[in-house]
PDBML (XML) file of the C-alpha atoms, coordinates in Angstrom:
<?xml version="1.0" encoding="UTF-8" ?>
<PDBx:datablock datablockName="MODEL"
   xmlns:PDBx="http://pdbml.pdb.org/schema/pdbx-v50.xsd"
   xmlns:xsi="http://www.w3.org/2001/XMLSchema-instance"
   xsi:schemaLocation="http://pdbml.pdb.org/schema/pdbx-v50.xsd pdbx-v50.xsd">
   <PDBx:atom_siteCategory>
      <PDBx:atom_site id="1">
         <PDBx:B_iso_or_equiv>0.00</PDBx:B_iso_or_equiv>
         <PDBx:Cartn_x>114.574</PDBx:Cartn_x>
         <PDBx:Cartn_y>76.744</PDBx:Cartn_y>
         <PDBx:Cartn_z>227.655</PDBx:Cartn_z>
         <PDBx:auth_asym_id>A</PDBx:auth_asym_id>
         <PDBx:auth_atom_id>CA</PDBx:auth_atom_id>
         <PDBx:auth_comp_id>UNK</PDBx:auth_comp_id>
         <PDBx:auth_seq_id>1</PDBx:auth_seq_id>
         <PDBx:group_PDB>ATOM</PDBx:group_PDB>
         <PDBx:label_alt_id xsi:nil="true" />
         <PDBx:label_asym_id>A</PDBx:label_asym_id>
         <PDBx:label_atom_id>CA</PDBx:label_atom_id>
         <PDBx:label_comp_id>UNK</PDBx:label_comp_id>
         <PDBx:label_entity_id>1</PDBx:label_entity_id>
         <PDBx:label_seq_id>1</PDBx:label_seq_id>
         <PDBx:occupancy>1.00</PDBx:occupancy>
         <PDBx:pdbx_PDB_model_num>1</PDBx:pdbx_PDB_model_num>
         <PDBx:type_symbol>C</PDBx:type_symbol>
      </PDBx:atom_site>
      <PDBx:atom_site id="2">
         <PDBx:B_iso_or_equiv>0.00</PDBx:B_iso_or_equiv>
         <PDBx:Cartn_x>113.285</PDBx:Cartn_x>
         <PDBx:Cartn_y>74.315</PDBx:Cartn_y>
         <PDBx:Cartn_z>225.740</PDBx:Cartn_z>
         <PDBx:auth_asym_id>A</PDBx:auth_asym_id>
         <PDBx:auth_atom_id>CA</PDBx:auth_atom_id>
         <PDBx:auth_comp_id>UNK</PDBx:auth_comp_id>
         <PDBx:auth_seq_id>2</PDBx:auth_seq_id>
         <PDBx:group_PDB>ATOM</PDBx:group_PDB>
         <PDBx:label_alt_id xsi:nil="true" />
         <PDBx:label_asym_id>A</PDBx:label_asym_id>
         <PDBx:label_atom_id>CA</PDBx:label_atom_id>
         <PDBx:label_comp_id>UNK</PDBx:label_comp_id>
         <PDBx:label_entity_id>1</PDBx:label_entity_id>
         <PDBx:label_seq_id>2</PDBx:label_seq_id>
         <PDBx:occupancy>1.00</PDBx:occupancy>
         <PDBx:pdbx_PDB_model_num>1</PDBx:pdbx_PDB_model_num>
         <PDBx:type_symbol>C</PDBx:type_symbol>
      </PDBx:atom_site>
      <PDBx:atom_site id="3">
         <PDBx:B_iso_or_equiv>0.00</PDBx:B_iso_or_equiv>
         <PDBx:Cartn_x>111.407</PDBx:Cartn_x>
         <PDBx:Cartn_y>72.304</PDBx:Cartn_y>
         <PDBx:Cartn_z>228.277</PDBx:Cartn_z>
         <PDBx:auth_asym_id>A</PDBx:auth_asym_id>
         <PDBx:auth_atom_id>CA</PDBx:auth_atom_id>
         <PDBx:auth_comp_id>UNK</PDBx:auth_comp_id>
         <PDBx:auth_seq_id>3</PDBx:auth_seq_id>
         <PDBx:group_PDB>ATOM</PDBx:group_PDB>
         <PDBx:label_alt_id xsi:nil="true" />
         <PDBx:label_asym_id>A</PDBx:label_asym_id>
         <PDBx:label_atom_id>CA</PDBx:label_atom_id>
         <PDBx:label_comp_id>UNK</PDBx:label_comp_id>
         <PDBx:label_entity_id>1</PDBx:label_entity_id>
         <PDBx:label_seq_id>3</PDBx:label_seq_id>
         <PDBx:occupancy>1.00</PDBx:occupancy>
         <PDBx:pdbx_PDB_model_num>1</PDBx:pdbx_PDB_model_num>
         <PDBx:type_symbol>C</PDBx:type_symbol>
      </PDBx:atom_site>
      <PDBx:atom_site id="4">
         <PDBx:B_iso_or_equiv>0.00</PDBx:B_iso_or_equiv>
         <PDBx:Cartn_x>108.252</PDBx:Cartn_x>
         <PDBx:Cartn_y>70.333</PDBx:Cartn_y>
         <PDBx:Cartn_z>226.929</PDBx:Cartn_z>
         <PDBx:auth_asym_id>A</PDBx:auth_asym_id>
         <PDBx:auth_atom_id>CA</PDBx:auth_atom_id>
         <PDBx:auth_comp_id>UNK</PDBx:auth_comp_id>
         <PDBx:auth_seq_id>4</PDBx:auth_seq_id>
         <PDBx:group_PDB>ATOM</PDBx:group_PDB>
         <PDBx:label_alt_id xsi:nil="true" />
         <PDBx:label_asym_id>A</PDBx:label_asym_id>
         <PDBx:label_atom_id>CA</PDBx:label_atom_id>
         <PDBx:label_comp_id>UNK</PDBx:label_comp_id>
         <PDBx:label_entity_id>1</PDBx:label_entity_id>
         <PDBx:label_seq_id>4</PDBx:label_seq_id>
         <PDBx:occupancy>1.00</PDBx:occupancy>
         <PDBx:pdbx_PDB_model_num>1</PDBx:pdbx_PDB_model_num>
         <PDBx:type_symbol>C</PDBx:type_symbol>
      </PDBx:atom_site>
      <PDBx:atom_site id="5">
         <PDBx:B_iso_or_equiv>0.00</PDBx:B_iso_or_equiv>
         <PDBx:Cartn_x>105.149</PDBx:Cartn_x>
         <PDBx:Cartn_y>72.299</PDBx:Cartn_y>
         <PDBx:Cartn_z>228.781</PDBx:Cartn_z>
         <PDBx:auth_asym_id>A</PDBx:auth_asym_id>
         <PDBx:auth_atom_id>CA</PDBx:auth_atom_id>
         <PDBx:auth_comp_id>UNK</PDBx:auth_comp_id>
         <PDBx:auth_seq_id>5</PDBx:auth_seq_id>
         <PDBx:group_PDB>ATOM</PDBx:group_PDB>
         <PDBx:label_alt_id xsi:nil="true" />
         <PDBx:label_asym_id>A</PDBx:label_asym_id>
         <PDBx:label_atom_id>CA</PDBx:label_atom_id>
         <PDBx:label_comp_id>UNK</PDBx:label_comp_id>
         <PDBx:label_entity_id>1</PDBx:label_entity_id>
         <PDBx:label_seq_id>5</PDBx:label_seq_id>
         <PDBx:occupancy>1.00</PDBx:occupancy>
         <PDBx:pdbx_PDB_model_num>1</PDBx:pdbx_PDB_model_num>
         <PDBx:type_symbol>C</PDBx:type_symbol>
      </PDBx:atom_site>
      <PDBx:atom_site id="6">
         <PDBx:B_iso_or_equiv>0.00</PDBx:B_iso_or_equiv>
         <PDBx:Cartn_x>102.269</PDBx:Cartn_x>
         <PDBx:Cartn_y>71.020</PDBx:Cartn_y>
         <PDBx:Cartn_z>226.757</PDBx:Cartn_z>
         <PDBx:auth_asym_id>A</PDBx:auth_asym_id>
         <PDBx:auth_atom_id>CA</PDBx:auth_atom_id>
         <PDBx:auth_comp_id>UNK</PDBx:auth_comp_id>
         <PDBx:auth_seq_id>6</PDBx:auth_seq_id>
         <PDBx:group_PDB>ATOM</PDBx:group_PDB>
         <PDBx:label_alt_id xsi:nil="true" />
         <PDBx:label_asym_id>A</PDBx:label_asym_id>
         <PDBx:label_atom_id>CA</PDBx:label_atom_id>
         <PDBx:label_comp_id>UNK</PDBx:label_comp_id>
         <PDBx:label_entity_id>1</PDBx:label_entity_id>
         <PDBx:label_seq_id>6</PDBx:label_seq_id>
         <PDBx:occupancy>1.00</PDBx:occupancy>
         <PDBx:pdbx_PDB_model_num>1</PDBx:pdbx_PDB_model_num>
         <PDBx:type_symbol>C</PDBx:type_symbol>
      </PDBx:atom_site>
      <PDBx:atom_site id="7">
         <PDBx:B_iso_or_equiv>0.00</PDBx:B_iso_or_equiv>
         <PDBx:Cartn_x>101.725</PDBx:Cartn_x>
         <PDBx:Cartn_y>68.010</PDBx:Cartn_y>
         <PDBx:Cartn_z>224.650</PDBx:Cartn_z>
         <PDBx:auth_asym_id>A</PDBx:auth_asym_id>
         <PDBx:auth_atom_id>CA</PDBx:auth_atom_id>
         <PDBx:auth_comp_id>UNK</PDBx:auth_comp_id>
         <PDBx:auth_seq_id>7</PDBx:auth_seq_id>
         <PDBx:group_PDB>ATOM</PDBx:group_PDB>
         <PDBx:label_alt_id xsi:nil="true" />
         <PDBx:label_asym_id>A</PDBx:label_asym_id>
         <PDBx:label_atom_id>CA</PDBx:label_atom_id>
         <PDBx:label_comp_id>UNK</PDBx:label_comp_id>
         <PDBx:label_entity_id>1</PDBx:label_entity_id>
         <PDBx:label_seq_id>7</PDBx:label_seq_id>
         <PDBx:occupancy>1.00</PDBx:occupancy>
         <PDBx:pdbx_PDB_model_num>1</PDBx:pdbx_PDB_model_num>
         <PDBx:type_symbol>C</PDBx:type_symbol>
      </PDBx:atom_site>
      <PDBx:atom_site id="8">
         <PDBx:B_iso_or_equiv>0.00</PDBx:B_iso_or_equiv>
         <PDBx:Cartn_x>99.073</PDBx:Cartn_x>
         <PDBx:Cartn_y>69.327</PDBx:Cartn_y>
         <PDBx:Cartn_z>221.671</PDBx:Cartn_z>
         <PDBx:auth_asym_id>A</PDBx:auth_asym_id>
         <PDBx:auth_atom_id>CA</PDBx:auth_atom_id>
         <PDBx:auth_comp_id>UNK</PDBx:auth_comp_id>
         <PDBx:auth_seq_id>8</PDBx:auth_seq_id>
         <PDBx:group_PDB>ATOM</PDBx:group_PDB>
         <PDBx:label_alt_id xsi:nil="true" />
         <PDBx:label_asym_id>A</PDBx:label_asym_id>
         <PDBx:label_atom_id>CA</PDBx:label_atom_id>
         <PDBx:label_comp_id>UNK</PDBx:label_comp_id>
         <PDBx:label_entity_id>1</PDBx:label_entity_id>
         <PDBx:label_seq_id>8</PDBx:label_seq_id>
         <PDBx:occupancy>1.00</PDBx:occupancy>
         <PDBx:pdbx_PDB_model_num>1</PDBx:pdbx_PDB_model_num>
         <PDBx:type_symbol>C</PDBx:type_symbol>
      </PDBx:atom_site>
      <PDBx:atom_site id="9">
         <PDBx:B_iso_or_equiv>0.00</PDBx:B_iso_or_equiv>
         <PDBx:Cartn_x>98.857</PDBx:Cartn_x>
         <PDBx:Cartn_y>66.294</PDBx:Cartn_y>
         <PDBx:Cartn_z>219.590</PDBx:Cartn_z>
         <PDBx:auth_asym_id>A</PDBx:auth_asym_id>
         <PDBx:auth_atom_id>CA</PDBx:auth_atom_id>
         <PDBx:auth_comp_id>UNK</PDBx:auth_comp_id>
         <PDBx:auth_seq_id>9</PDBx:auth_seq_id>
         <PDBx:group_PDB>ATOM</PDBx:group_PDB>
         <PDBx:label_alt_id xsi:nil="true" />
         <PDBx:label_asym_id>A</PDBx:label_asym_id>
         <PDBx:label_atom_id>CA</PDBx:label_atom_id>
         <PDBx:label_comp_id>UNK</PDBx:label_comp_id>
         <PDBx:label_entity_id>1</PDBx:label_entity_id>
         <PDBx:label_seq_id>9</PDBx:label_seq_id>
         <PDBx:occupancy>1.00</PDBx:occupancy>
         <PDBx:pdbx_PDB_model_num>1</PDBx:pdbx_PDB_model_num>
         <PDBx:type_symbol>C</PDBx:type_symbol>
      </PDBx:atom_site>
      <PDBx:atom_site id="10">
         <PDBx:B_iso_or_equiv>0.00</PDBx:B_iso_or_equiv>
         <PDBx:Cartn_x>100.203</PDBx:Cartn_x>
         <PDBx:Cartn_y>62.388</PDBx:Cartn_y>
         <PDBx:Cartn_z>220.396</PDBx:Cartn_z>
         <PDBx:auth_asym_id>A</PDBx:auth_asym_id>
         <PDBx:auth_atom_id>CA</PDBx:auth_atom_id>
         <PDBx:auth_comp_id>UNK</PDBx:auth_comp_id>
         <PDBx:auth_seq_id>10</PDBx:auth_seq_id>
         <PDBx:group_PDB>ATOM</PDBx:group_PDB>
         <PDBx:label_alt_id xsi:nil="true" />
         <PDBx:label_asym_id>A</PDBx:label_asym_id>
         <PDBx:label_atom_id>CA</PDBx:label_atom_id>
         <PDBx:label_comp_id>UNK</PDBx:label_comp_id>
         <PDBx:label_entity_id>1</PDBx:label_entity_id>
         <PDBx:label_seq_id>10</PDBx:label_seq_id>
         <PDBx:occupancy>1.00</PDBx:occupancy>
         <PDBx:pdbx_PDB_model_num>1</PDBx:pdbx_PDB_model_num>
         <PDBx:type_symbol>C</PDBx:type_symbol>
      </PDBx:atom_site>
      <PDBx:atom_site id="11">
         <PDBx:B_iso_or_equiv>0.00</PDBx:B_iso_or_equiv>
         <PDBx:Cartn_x>98.705</PDBx:Cartn_x>
         <PDBx:Cartn_y>60.154</PDBx:Cartn_y>
         <PDBx:Cartn_z>218.156</PDBx:Cartn_z>
         <PDBx:auth_asym_id>A</PDBx:auth_asym_id>
         <PDBx:auth_atom_id>CA</PDBx:auth_atom_id>
         <PDBx:auth_comp_id>UNK</PDBx:auth_comp_id>
         <PDBx:auth_seq_id>11</PDBx:auth_seq_id>
         <PDBx:group_PDB>ATOM</PDBx:group_PDB>
         <PDBx:label_alt_id xsi:nil="true" />
         <PDBx:label_asym_id>A</PDBx:label_asym_id>
         <PDBx:label_atom_id>CA</PDBx:label_atom_id>
         <PDBx:label_comp_id>UNK</PDBx:label_comp_id>
         <PDBx:label_entity_id>1</PDBx:label_entity_id>
         <PDBx:label_seq_id>11</PDBx:label_seq_id>
         <PDBx:occupancy>1.00</PDBx:occupancy>
         <PDBx:pdbx_PDB_model_num>1</PDBx:pdbx_PDB_model_num>
         <PDBx:type_symbol>C</PDBx:type_symbol>
      </PDBx:atom_site>
      <PDBx:atom_site id="12">
         <PDBx:B_iso_or_equiv>0.00</PDBx:B_iso_or_equiv>
         <PDBx:Cartn_x>98.794</PDBx:Cartn_x>
         <PDBx:Cartn_y>58.914</PDBx:Cartn_y>
         <PDBx:Cartn_z>214.728</PDBx:Cartn_z>
         <PDBx:auth_asym_id>A</PDBx:auth_asym_id>
         <PDBx:auth_atom_id>CA</PDBx:auth_atom_id>
         <PDBx:auth_comp_id>UNK</PDBx:auth_comp_id>
         <PDBx:auth_seq_id>12</PDBx:auth_seq_id>
         <PDBx:group_PDB>ATOM</PDBx:group_PDB>
         <PDBx:label_alt_id xsi:nil="true" />
         <PDBx:label_asym_id>A</PDBx:label_asym_id>
         <PDBx:label_atom_id>CA</PDBx:label_atom_id>
         <PDBx:label_comp_id>UNK</PDBx:label_comp_id>
         <PDBx:label_entity_id>1</PDBx:label_entity_id>
         <PDBx:label_seq_id>12</PDBx:label_seq_id>
         <PDBx:occupancy>1.00</PDBx:occupancy>
         <PDBx:pdbx_PDB_model_num>1</PDBx:pdbx_PDB_model_num>
         <PDBx:type_symbol>C</PDBx:type_symbol>
      </PDBx:atom_site>
      <PDBx:atom_site id="13">
         <PDBx:B_iso_or_equiv>0.00</PDBx:B_iso_or_equiv>
         <PDBx:Cartn_x>97.134</PDBx:Cartn_x>
         <PDBx:Cartn_y>60.717</PDBx:Cartn_y>
         <PDBx:Cartn_z>212.061</PDBx:Cartn_z>
         <PDBx:auth_asym_id>A</PDBx:auth_asym_id>
         <PDBx:auth_atom_id>CA</PDBx:auth_atom_id>
         <PDBx:auth_comp_id>UNK</PDBx:auth_comp_id>
         <PDBx:auth_seq_id>13</PDBx:auth_seq_id>
         <PDBx:group_PDB>ATOM</PDBx:group_PDB>
         <PDBx:label_alt_id xsi:nil="true" />
         <PDBx:label_asym_id>A</PDBx:label_asym_id>
         <PDBx:label_atom_id>CA</PDBx:label_atom_id>
         <PDBx:label_comp_id>UNK</PDBx:label_comp_id>
         <PDBx:label_entity_id>1</PDBx:label_entity_id>
         <PDBx:label_seq_id>13</PDBx:label_seq_id>
         <PDBx:occupancy>1.00</PDBx:occupancy>
         <PDBx:pdbx_PDB_model_num>1</PDBx:pdbx_PDB_model_num>
         <PDBx:type_symbol>C</PDBx:type_symbol>
      </PDBx:atom_site>
      <PDBx:atom_site id="14">
         <PDBx:B_iso_or_equiv>0.00</PDBx:B_iso_or_equiv>
         <PDBx:Cartn_x>96.196</PDBx:Cartn_x>
         <PDBx:Cartn_y>60.170</PDBx:Cartn_y>
         <PDBx:Cartn_z>208.309</PDBx:Cartn_z>
         <PDBx:auth_asym_id>A</PDBx:auth_asym_id>
         <PDBx:auth_atom_id>CA</PDBx:auth_atom_id>
         <PDBx:auth_comp_id>UNK</PDBx:auth_comp_id>
         <PDBx:auth_seq_id>14</PDBx:auth_seq_id>
         <PDBx:group_PDB>ATOM</PDBx:group_PDB>
         <PDBx:label_alt_id xsi:nil="true" />
         <PDBx:label_asym_id>A</PDBx:label_asym_id>
         <PDBx:label_atom_id>CA</PDBx:label_atom_id>
         <PDBx:label_comp_id>UNK</PDBx:label_comp_id>
         <PDBx:label_entity_id>1</PDBx:label_entity_id>
         <PDBx:label_seq_id>14</PDBx:label_seq_id>
         <PDBx:occupancy>1.00</PDBx:occupancy>
         <PDBx:pdbx_PDB_model_num>1</PDBx:pdbx_PDB_model_num>
         <PDBx:type_symbol>C</PDBx:type_symbol>
      </PDBx:atom_site>
      <PDBx:atom_site id="15">
         <PDBx:B_iso_or_equiv>0.00</PDBx:B_iso_or_equiv>
         <PDBx:Cartn_x>98.186</PDBx:Cartn_x>
         <PDBx:Cartn_y>61.881</PDBx:Cartn_y>
         <PDBx:Cartn_z>205.277</PDBx:Cartn_z>
         <PDBx:auth_asym_id>A</PDBx:auth_asym_id>
         <PDBx:auth_atom_id>CA</PDBx:auth_atom_id>
         <PDBx:auth_comp_id>UNK</PDBx:auth_comp_id>
         <PDBx:auth_seq_id>15</PDBx:auth_seq_id>
         <PDBx:group_PDB>ATOM</PDBx:group_PDB>
         <PDBx:label_alt_id xsi:nil="true" />
         <PDBx:label_asym_id>A</PDBx:label_asym_id>
         <PDBx:label_atom_id>CA</PDBx:label_atom_id>
         <PDBx:label_comp_id>UNK</PDBx:label_comp_id>
         <PDBx:label_entity_id>1</PDBx:label_entity_id>
         <PDBx:label_seq_id>15</PDBx:label_seq_id>
         <PDBx:occupancy>1.00</PDBx:occupancy>
         <PDBx:pdbx_PDB_model_num>1</PDBx:pdbx_PDB_model_num>
         <PDBx:type_symbol>C</PDBx:type_symbol>
      </PDBx:atom_site>
      <PDBx:atom_site id="16">
         <PDBx:B_iso_or_equiv>0.00</PDBx:B_iso_or_equiv>
         <PDBx:Cartn_x>96.951</PDBx:Cartn_x>
         <PDBx:Cartn_y>65.497</PDBx:Cartn_y>
         <PDBx:Cartn_z>205.016</PDBx:Cartn_z>
         <PDBx:auth_asym_id>A</PDBx:auth_asym_id>
         <PDBx:auth_atom_id>CA</PDBx:auth_atom_id>
         <PDBx:auth_comp_id>UNK</PDBx:auth_comp_id>
         <PDBx:auth_seq_id>16</PDBx:auth_seq_id>
         <PDBx:group_PDB>ATOM</PDBx:group_PDB>
         <PDBx:label_alt_id xsi:nil="true" />
         <PDBx:label_asym_id>A</PDBx:label_asym_id>
         <PDBx:label_atom_id>CA</PDBx:label_atom_id>
         <PDBx:label_comp_id>UNK</PDBx:label_comp_id>
         <PDBx:label_entity_id>1</PDBx:label_entity_id>
         <PDBx:label_seq_id>16</PDBx:label_seq_id>
         <PDBx:occupancy>1.00</PDBx:occupancy>
         <PDBx:pdbx_PDB_model_num>1</PDBx:pdbx_PDB_model_num>
         <PDBx:type_symbol>C</PDBx:type_symbol>
      </PDBx:atom_site>
      <PDBx:atom_site id="17">
         <PDBx:B_iso_or_equiv>0.00</PDBx:B_iso_or_equiv>
         <PDBx:Cartn_x>96.465</PDBx:Cartn_x>
         <PDBx:Cartn_y>68.976</PDBx:Cartn_y>
         <PDBx:Cartn_z>206.594</PDBx:Cartn_z>
         <PDBx:auth_asym_id>A</PDBx:auth_asym_id>
         <PDBx:auth_atom_id>CA</PDBx:auth_atom_id>
         <PDBx:auth_comp_id>UNK</PDBx:auth_comp_id>
         <PDBx:auth_seq_id>17</PDBx:auth_seq_id>
         <PDBx:group_PDB>ATOM</PDBx:group_PDB>
         <PDBx:label_alt_id xsi:nil="true" />
         <PDBx:label_asym_id>A</PDBx:label_asym_id>
         <PDBx:label_atom_id>CA</PDBx:label_atom_id>
         <PDBx:label_comp_id>UNK</PDBx:label_comp_id>
         <PDBx:label_entity_id>1</PDBx:label_entity_id>
         <PDBx:label_seq_id>17</PDBx:label_seq_id>
         <PDBx:occupancy>1.00</PDBx:occupancy>
         <PDBx:pdbx_PDB_model_num>1</PDBx:pdbx_PDB_model_num>
         <PDBx:type_symbol>C</PDBx:type_symbol>
      </PDBx:atom_site>
      <PDBx:atom_site id="18">
         <PDBx:B_iso_or_equiv>0.00</PDBx:B_iso_or_equiv>
         <PDBx:Cartn_x>95.839</PDBx:Cartn_x>
         <PDBx:Cartn_y>69.128</PDBx:Cartn_y>
         <PDBx:Cartn_z>210.508</PDBx:Cartn_z>
         <PDBx:auth_asym_id>A</PDBx:auth_asym_id>
         <PDBx:auth_atom_id>CA</PDBx:auth_atom_id>
         <PDBx:auth_comp_id>UNK</PDBx:auth_comp_id>
         <PDBx:auth_seq_id>18</PDBx:auth_seq_id>
         <PDBx:group_PDB>ATOM</PDBx:group_PDB>
         <PDBx:label_alt_id xsi:nil="true" />
         <PDBx:label_asym_id>A</PDBx:label_asym_id>
         <PDBx:label_atom_id>CA</PDBx:label_atom_id>
         <PDBx:label_comp_id>UNK</PDBx:label_comp_id>
         <PDBx:label_entity_id>1</PDBx:label_entity_id>
         <PDBx:label_seq_id>18</PDBx:label_seq_id>
         <PDBx:occupancy>1.00</PDBx:occupancy>
         <PDBx:pdbx_PDB_model_num>1</PDBx:pdbx_PDB_model_num>
         <PDBx:type_symbol>C</PDBx:type_symbol>
      </PDBx:atom_site>
      <PDBx:atom_site id="19">
         <PDBx:B_iso_or_equiv>0.00</PDBx:B_iso_or_equiv>
         <PDBx:Cartn_x>95.289</PDBx:Cartn_x>
         <PDBx:Cartn_y>72.120</PDBx:Cartn_y>
         <PDBx:Cartn_z>212.498</PDBx:Cartn_z>
         <PDBx:auth_asym_id>A</PDBx:auth_asym_id>
         <PDBx:auth_atom_id>CA</PDBx:auth_atom_id>
         <PDBx:auth_comp_id>UNK</PDBx:auth_comp_id>
         <PDBx:auth_seq_id>19</PDBx:auth_seq_id>
         <PDBx:group_PDB>ATOM</PDBx:group_PDB>
         <PDBx:label_alt_id xsi:nil="true" />
         <PDBx:label_asym_id>A</PDBx:label_asym_id>
         <PDBx:label_atom_id>CA</PDBx:label_atom_id>
         <PDBx:label_comp_id>UNK</PDBx:label_comp_id>
         <PDBx:label_entity_id>1</PDBx:label_entity_id>
         <PDBx:label_seq_id>19</PDBx:label_seq_id>
         <PDBx:occupancy>1.00</PDBx:occupancy>
         <PDBx:pdbx_PDB_model_num>1</PDBx:pdbx_PDB_model_num>
         <PDBx:type_symbol>C</PDBx:type_symbol>
      </PDBx:atom_site>
      <PDBx:atom_site id="20">
         <PDBx:B_iso_or_equiv>0.00</PDBx:B_iso_or_equiv>
         <PDBx:Cartn_x>95.517</PDBx:Cartn_x>
         <PDBx:Cartn_y>72.538</PDBx:Cartn_y>
         <PDBx:Cartn_z>216.097</PDBx:Cartn_z>
         <PDBx:auth_asym_id>A</PDBx:auth_asym_id>
         <PDBx:auth_atom_id>CA</PDBx:auth_atom_id>
         <PDBx:auth_comp_id>UNK</PDBx:auth_comp_id>
         <PDBx:auth_seq_id>20</PDBx:auth_seq_id>
         <PDBx:group_PDB>ATOM</PDBx:group_PDB>
         <PDBx:label_alt_id xsi:nil="true" />
         <PDBx:label_asym_id>A</PDBx:label_asym_id>
         <PDBx:label_atom_id>CA</PDBx:label_atom_id>
         <PDBx:label_comp_id>UNK</PDBx:label_comp_id>
         <PDBx:label_entity_id>1</PDBx:label_entity_id>
         <PDBx:label_seq_id>20</PDBx:label_seq_id>
         <PDBx:occupancy>1.00</PDBx:occupancy>
         <PDBx:pdbx_PDB_model_num>1</PDBx:pdbx_PDB_model_num>
         <PDBx:type_symbol>C</PDBx:type_symbol>
      </PDBx:atom_site>
      <PDBx:atom_site id="21">
         <PDBx:B_iso_or_equiv>0.00</PDBx:B_iso_or_equiv>
         <PDBx:Cartn_x>93.562</PDBx:Cartn_x>
         <PDBx:Cartn_y>75.478</PDBx:Cartn_y>
         <PDBx:Cartn_z>218.229</PDBx:Cartn_z>
         <PDBx:auth_asym_id>A</PDBx:auth_asym_id>
         <PDBx:auth_atom_id>CA</PDBx:auth_atom_id>
         <PDBx:auth_comp_id>UNK</PDBx:auth_comp_id>
         <PDBx:auth_seq_id>21</PDBx:auth_seq_id>
         <PDBx:group_PDB>ATOM</PDBx:group_PDB>
         <PDBx:label_alt_id xsi:nil="true" />
         <PDBx:label_asym_id>A</PDBx:label_asym_id>
         <PDBx:label_atom_id>CA</PDBx:label_atom_id>
         <PDBx:label_comp_id>UNK</PDBx:label_comp_id>
         <PDBx:label_entity_id>1</PDBx:label_entity_id>
         <PDBx:label_seq_id>21</PDBx:label_seq_id>
         <PDBx:occupancy>1.00</PDBx:occupancy>
         <PDBx:pdbx_PDB_model_num>1</PDBx:pdbx_PDB_model_num>
         <PDBx:type_symbol>C</PDBx:type_symbol>
      </PDBx:atom_site>
      <PDBx:atom_site id="22">
         <PDBx:B_iso_or_equiv>0.00</PDBx:B_iso_or_equiv>
         <PDBx:Cartn_x>95.805</PDBx:Cartn_x>
         <PDBx:Cartn_y>76.088</PDBx:Cartn_y>
         <PDBx:Cartn_z>221.236</PDBx:Cartn_z>
         <PDBx:auth_asym_id>A</PDBx:auth_asym_id>
         <PDBx:auth_atom_id>CA</PDBx:auth_atom_id>
         <PDBx:auth_comp_id>UNK</PDBx:auth_comp_id>
         <PDBx:auth_seq_id>22</PDBx:auth_seq_id>
         <PDBx:group_PDB>ATOM</PDBx:group_PDB>
         <PDBx:label_alt_id xsi:nil="true" />
         <PDBx:label_asym_id>A</PDBx:label_asym_id>
         <PDBx:label_atom_id>CA</PDBx:label_atom_id>
         <PDBx:label_comp_id>UNK</PDBx:label_comp_id>
         <PDBx:label_entity_id>1</PDBx:label_entity_id>
         <PDBx:label_seq_id>22</PDBx:label_seq_id>
         <PDBx:occupancy>1.00</PDBx:occupancy>
         <PDBx:pdbx_PDB_model_num>1</PDBx:pdbx_PDB_model_num>
         <PDBx:type_symbol>C</PDBx:type_symbol>
      </PDBx:atom_site>
      <PDBx:atom_site id="23">
         <PDBx:B_iso_or_equiv>0.00</PDBx:B_iso_or_equiv>
         <PDBx:Cartn_x>94.466</PDBx:Cartn_x>
         <PDBx:Cartn_y>77.956</PDBx:Cartn_y>
         <PDBx:Cartn_z>224.364</PDBx:Cartn_z>
         <PDBx:auth_asym_id>A</PDBx:auth_asym_id>
         <PDBx:auth_atom_id>CA</PDBx:auth_atom_id>
         <PDBx:auth_comp_id>UNK</PDBx:auth_comp_id>
         <PDBx:auth_seq_id>23</PDBx:auth_seq_id>
         <PDBx:group_PDB>ATOM</PDBx:group_PDB>
         <PDBx:label_alt_id xsi:nil="true" />
         <PDBx:label_asym_id>A</PDBx:label_asym_id>
         <PDBx:label_atom_id>CA</PDBx:label_atom_id>
         <PDBx:label_comp_id>UNK</PDBx:label_comp_id>
         <PDBx:label_entity_id>1</PDBx:label_entity_id>
         <PDBx:label_seq_id>23</PDBx:label_seq_id>
         <PDBx:occupancy>1.00</PDBx:occupancy>
         <PDBx:pdbx_PDB_model_num>1</PDBx:pdbx_PDB_model_num>
         <PDBx:type_symbol>C</PDBx:type_symbol>
      </PDBx:atom_site>
      <PDBx:atom_site id="24">
         <PDBx:B_iso_or_equiv>0.00</PDBx:B_iso_or_equiv>
         <PDBx:Cartn_x>97.165</PDBx:Cartn_x>
         <PDBx:Cartn_y>79.864</PDBx:Cartn_y>
         <PDBx:Cartn_z>226.196</PDBx:Cartn_z>
         <PDBx:auth_asym_id>A</PDBx:auth_asym_id>
         <PDBx:auth_atom_id>CA</PDBx:auth_atom_id>
         <PDBx:auth_comp_id>UNK</PDBx:auth_comp_id>
         <PDBx:auth_seq_id>24</PDBx:auth_seq_id>
         <PDBx:group_PDB>ATOM</PDBx:group_PDB>
         <PDBx:label_alt_id xsi:nil="true" />
         <PDBx:label_asym_id>A</PDBx:label_asym_id>
         <PDBx:label_atom_id>CA</PDBx:label_atom_id>
         <PDBx:label_comp_id>UNK</PDBx:label_comp_id>
         <PDBx:label_entity_id>1</PDBx:label_entity_id>
         <PDBx:label_seq_id>24</PDBx:label_seq_id>
         <PDBx:occupancy>1.00</PDBx:occupancy>
         <PDBx:pdbx_PDB_model_num>1</PDBx:pdbx_PDB_model_num>
         <PDBx:type_symbol>C</PDBx:type_symbol>
      </PDBx:atom_site>
   </PDBx:atom_siteCategory>
</PDBx:datablock>
């Protein structure tokens, strides 16, 4: 229903490809 339940990234990052592993 659109409620935020987790913040995975919230920071300044450099140009380029990034990836995050999420554990549910």
